[in-house]
Amino acid sequence: MPCSMLTLQDELDGKAEVLLDPNTLSKDGTVALSTYSISEDGNYIAYGLSESGSDWVSIHVMNVTNKQPMPDKLSWVGNHHLPLDC
């Protein structure tokens, strides 16, 4: 079953752009988006990915403007509530 994608748009009636599609992160569909948080200025998104139904997630950060992930990640995160106060 396909996972939901995160999209963004400039206006309420504007065209939606895909920001993050977890369906493209693994060939067998075992990676799921489990949590996310957007920075107050809207420039960054932190998101948690879980593999194979695991409760553990890896936390990634993406620059929303250029849709590029930052190079670092946090692995084996258990409690994945992500307040991103930047």
N, C-alpha and C. Protein backbone atom coordinates (compact mmCIF):
# COMPACT_ATOMS: atom_id res chain seq x y z
N MET A 1 0.83 -1.17 0.00
CA MET A 1 0.00 0.00 0.00
C MET A 1 0.88 1.25 0.00
N PRO A 2 0.65 2.18 -0.91
CA PRO A 2 1.49 3.37 -1.01
C PRO A 2 1.38 4.27 0.23
N CYS A 3 2.48 4.90 0.59
CA CYS A 3 2.51 5.85 1.70
C CYS A 3 2.11 7.23 1.20
N SER A 4 1.60 8.05 2.09
CA SER A 4 1.25 9.42 1.74
C SER A 4 2.49 10.25 1.49
N MET A 5 2.37 11.21 0.57
CA MET A 5 3.47 12.11 0.24
C MET A 5 3.27 13.43 0.97
N LEU A 6 4.38 14.13 1.19
CA LEU A 6 4.31 15.50 1.69
C LEU A 6 4.40 16.43 0.49
N THR A 7 3.48 17.35 0.41
CA THR A 7 3.48 18.30 -0.70
C THR A 7 3.49 19.72 -0.15
N LEU A 8 3.82 20.68 -1.02
CA LEU A 8 3.77 22.08 -0.64
C LEU A 8 3.19 22.87 -1.80
N GLN A 9 2.64 24.03 -1.47
CA GLN A 9 2.13 24.91 -2.51
C GLN A 9 2.22 26.35 -2.01
N ASP A 10 2.37 27.29 -2.96
CA ASP A 10 2.53 28.70 -2.62
C ASP A 10 1.24 29.36 -2.17
N GLU A 11 0.13 28.92 -2.75
CA GLU A 11 -1.17 29.51 -2.44
C GLU A 11 -2.17 28.40 -2.19
N LEU A 12 -3.26 28.75 -1.53
CA LEU A 12 -4.29 27.77 -1.22
C LEU A 12 -4.79 27.05 -2.47
N ASP A 13 -4.97 27.78 -3.54
CA ASP A 13 -5.45 27.19 -4.79
C ASP A 13 -4.31 26.87 -5.76
N GLY A 14 -3.06 26.99 -5.31
CA GLY A 14 -1.92 26.76 -6.18
C GLY A 14 -1.67 25.29 -6.43
N LYS A 15 -0.81 25.03 -7.40
CA LYS A 15 -0.44 23.66 -7.75
C LYS A 15 0.44 23.06 -6.65
N ALA A 16 0.14 21.86 -6.23
CA ALA A 16 0.92 21.17 -5.20
C ALA A 16 2.17 20.56 -5.81
N GLU A 17 3.31 20.76 -5.15
CA GLU A 17 4.58 20.15 -5.53
C GLU A 17 4.93 19.09 -4.50
N VAL A 18 5.49 17.99 -4.95
CA VAL A 18 5.92 16.94 -4.03
C VAL A 18 7.20 17.39 -3.34
N LEU A 19 7.17 17.40 -2.02
CA LEU A 19 8.35 17.72 -1.23
C LEU A 19 9.08 16.44 -0.85
N LEU A 20 8.33 15.45 -0.40
CA LEU A 20 8.92 14.18 0.01
C LEU A 20 7.95 13.05 -0.32
N ASP A 21 8.43 12.10 -1.09
CA ASP A 21 7.63 10.93 -1.45
C ASP A 21 8.31 9.69 -0.89
N PRO A 22 7.83 9.17 0.24
CA PRO A 22 8.47 7.99 0.85
C PRO A 22 8.39 6.75 -0.03
N ASN A 23 7.49 6.74 -1.01
CA ASN A 23 7.37 5.59 -1.90
C ASN A 23 8.59 5.42 -2.79
N THR A 24 9.40 6.47 -2.91
CA THR A 24 10.60 6.40 -3.75
C THR A 24 11.85 6.05 -2.95
N LEU A 25 11.72 5.85 -1.65
CA LEU A 25 12.90 5.64 -0.80
C LEU A 25 13.33 4.18 -0.69
N SER A 26 12.48 3.26 -1.11
CA SER A 26 12.87 1.85 -1.14
C SER A 26 12.09 1.15 -2.25
N LYS A 27 12.73 0.20 -2.88
CA LYS A 27 12.08 -0.51 -3.99
C LYS A 27 10.93 -1.40 -3.51
N ASP A 28 11.05 -1.93 -2.29
CA ASP A 28 10.04 -2.87 -1.80
C ASP A 28 8.98 -2.21 -0.91
N GLY A 29 9.01 -0.89 -0.77
CA GLY A 29 7.98 -0.20 -0.01
C GLY A 29 8.07 -0.35 1.49
N THR A 30 9.26 -0.65 2.01
CA THR A 30 9.40 -0.88 3.45
C THR A 30 9.82 0.36 4.24
N VAL A 31 9.98 1.49 3.58
CA VAL A 31 10.33 2.74 4.28
C VAL A 31 9.08 3.61 4.36
N ALA A 32 8.77 4.07 5.57
CA ALA A 32 7.58 4.89 5.78
C ALA A 32 7.94 6.19 6.48
N LEU A 33 7.23 7.23 6.15
CA LEU A 33 7.34 8.51 6.84
C LEU A 33 6.55 8.38 8.14
N SER A 34 7.23 8.53 9.28
CA SER A 34 6.54 8.31 10.56
C SER A 34 6.24 9.60 11.31
N THR A 35 6.99 10.66 11.06
CA THR A 35 6.76 11.93 11.74
C THR A 35 7.46 13.03 10.96
N TYR A 36 7.01 14.25 11.16
CA TYR A 36 7.71 15.39 10.57
C TYR A 36 7.36 16.66 11.32
N SER A 37 8.23 17.66 11.18
CA SER A 37 8.02 18.97 11.78
C SER A 37 8.66 20.01 10.88
N ILE A 38 7.97 21.12 10.70
CA ILE A 38 8.46 22.19 9.83
C ILE A 38 8.95 23.34 10.70
N SER A 39 10.09 23.92 10.34
CA SER A 39 10.62 25.04 11.10
C SER A 39 9.67 26.23 11.02
N GLU A 40 9.75 27.11 12.01
CA GLU A 40 8.84 28.26 12.06
C GLU A 40 8.94 29.14 10.81
N ASP A 41 10.13 29.26 10.24
CA ASP A 41 10.29 30.09 9.05
C ASP A 41 9.96 29.34 7.76
N GLY A 42 9.66 28.05 7.87
CA GLY A 42 9.27 27.26 6.71
C GLY A 42 10.42 26.84 5.81
N ASN A 43 11.65 27.10 6.23
CA ASN A 43 12.80 26.79 5.38
C ASN A 43 13.32 25.36 5.53
N TYR A 44 12.97 24.70 6.62
CA TYR A 44 13.48 23.35 6.87
C TYR A 44 12.36 22.43 7.34
N ILE A 45 12.51 21.17 7.03
CA ILE A 45 11.60 20.16 7.54
C ILE A 45 12.46 19.03 8.11
N ALA A 46 12.15 18.63 9.33
CA ALA A 46 12.75 17.45 9.93
C ALA A 46 11.73 16.33 9.78
N TYR A 47 12.19 15.16 9.37
CA TYR A 47 11.25 14.06 9.17
C TYR A 47 11.88 12.75 9.61
N GLY A 48 11.04 11.86 10.10
CA GLY A 48 11.49 10.56 10.58
C GLY A 48 11.04 9.47 9.63
N LEU A 49 11.97 8.59 9.30
CA LEU A 49 11.68 7.45 8.43
C LEU A 49 11.87 6.16 9.22
N SER A 50 10.91 5.26 9.09
CA SER A 50 11.05 3.95 9.73
C SER A 50 11.13 2.89 8.63
N GLU A 51 11.87 1.84 8.92
CA GLU A 51 12.06 0.77 7.95
C GLU A 51 11.44 -0.52 8.46
N SER A 52 10.76 -1.19 7.58
CA SER A 52 10.18 -2.51 7.85
C SER A 52 9.27 -2.54 9.08
N GLY A 53 8.55 -1.46 9.31
CA GLY A 53 7.61 -1.42 10.42
C GLY A 53 8.23 -1.19 11.78
N SER A 54 9.50 -0.86 11.82
CA SER A 54 10.20 -0.65 13.09
C SER A 54 9.67 0.57 13.83
N ASP A 55 9.74 0.53 15.17
CA ASP A 55 9.41 1.69 15.99
C ASP A 55 10.55 2.69 16.00
N TRP A 56 11.75 2.27 15.65
CA TRP A 56 12.91 3.15 15.60
C TRP A 56 12.89 3.91 14.28
N VAL A 57 13.25 5.18 14.35
CA VAL A 57 13.27 5.99 13.14
C VAL A 57 14.64 6.64 12.97
N SER A 58 14.92 7.04 11.75
CA SER A 58 16.08 7.89 11.48
C SER A 58 15.53 9.27 11.14
N ILE A 59 16.12 10.30 11.75
CA ILE A 59 15.66 11.67 11.58
C ILE A 59 16.55 12.35 10.55
N HIS A 60 15.92 12.95 9.57
CA HIS A 60 16.61 13.66 8.49
C HIS A 60 16.10 15.10 8.47
N VAL A 61 16.88 16.01 7.91
CA VAL A 61 16.48 17.40 7.76
C VAL A 61 16.65 17.77 6.30
N MET A 62 15.65 18.45 5.75
CA MET A 62 15.69 18.86 4.35
C MET A 62 15.53 20.37 4.25
N ASN A 63 16.27 20.99 3.34
CA ASN A 63 16.08 22.38 2.98
C ASN A 63 14.87 22.43 2.06
N VAL A 64 13.81 23.10 2.47
CA VAL A 64 12.57 23.12 1.70
C VAL A 64 12.73 23.89 0.38
N THR A 65 13.55 24.93 0.39
CA THR A 65 13.71 25.77 -0.80
C THR A 65 14.27 24.99 -1.98
N ASN A 66 15.33 24.21 -1.74
CA ASN A 66 15.95 23.47 -2.85
C ASN A 66 15.63 21.97 -2.82
N LYS A 67 14.83 21.55 -1.84
CA LYS A 67 14.41 20.16 -1.69
C LYS A 67 15.59 19.19 -1.55
N GLN A 68 16.67 19.67 -0.97
CA GLN A 68 17.85 18.84 -0.78
C GLN A 68 18.00 18.46 0.69
N PRO A 69 18.19 17.17 0.96
CA PRO A 69 18.42 16.75 2.34
C PRO A 69 19.78 17.21 2.83
N MET A 70 19.86 17.52 4.10
CA MET A 70 21.14 17.86 4.73
C MET A 70 21.93 16.55 4.89
N PRO A 71 23.25 16.61 4.95
CA PRO A 71 24.05 15.39 4.94
C PRO A 71 23.96 14.53 6.21
N ASP A 72 23.66 15.12 7.35
CA ASP A 72 23.65 14.36 8.61
C ASP A 72 22.27 13.78 8.89
N LYS A 73 22.26 12.72 9.72
CA LYS A 73 20.99 12.16 10.19
C LYS A 73 21.20 11.60 11.59
N LEU A 74 20.10 11.47 12.31
CA LEU A 74 20.10 10.83 13.63
C LEU A 74 19.48 9.46 13.46
N SER A 75 20.18 8.44 13.90
CA SER A 75 19.68 7.07 13.76
C SER A 75 19.22 6.52 15.10
N TRP A 76 18.34 5.52 15.03
CA TRP A 76 17.86 4.81 16.21
C TRP A 76 17.17 5.72 17.21
N VAL A 77 16.29 6.58 16.73
CA VAL A 77 15.55 7.49 17.59
C VAL A 77 14.25 6.80 18.02
N GLY A 78 13.99 6.80 19.32
CA GLY A 78 12.82 6.09 19.84
C GLY A 78 11.59 6.97 19.96
N ASN A 79 11.63 7.98 20.79
CA ASN A 79 10.49 8.87 20.97
C ASN A 79 10.60 9.95 19.90
N HIS A 80 9.77 9.88 18.87
CA HIS A 80 10.00 10.74 17.72
C HIS A 80 8.98 11.86 17.55
N HIS A 81 8.77 12.60 18.63
CA HIS A 81 8.03 13.85 18.53
C HIS A 81 9.07 14.91 18.16
N LEU A 82 8.85 15.64 17.07
CA LEU A 82 9.87 16.53 16.55
C LEU A 82 9.48 18.01 16.65
N PRO A 83 9.62 18.62 17.78
CA PRO A 83 9.41 20.08 17.80
C PRO A 83 10.62 20.73 17.16
N LEU A 84 10.43 21.43 16.07
CA LEU A 84 11.53 22.07 15.36
C LEU A 84 11.38 23.58 15.50
N ASP A 85 11.95 24.10 16.56
CA ASP A 85 11.84 25.53 16.86
C ASP A 85 13.08 26.25 16.38
N CYS A 86 13.12 26.55 15.10
CA CYS A 86 14.27 27.25 14.52
C CYS A 86 13.83 28.61 14.04
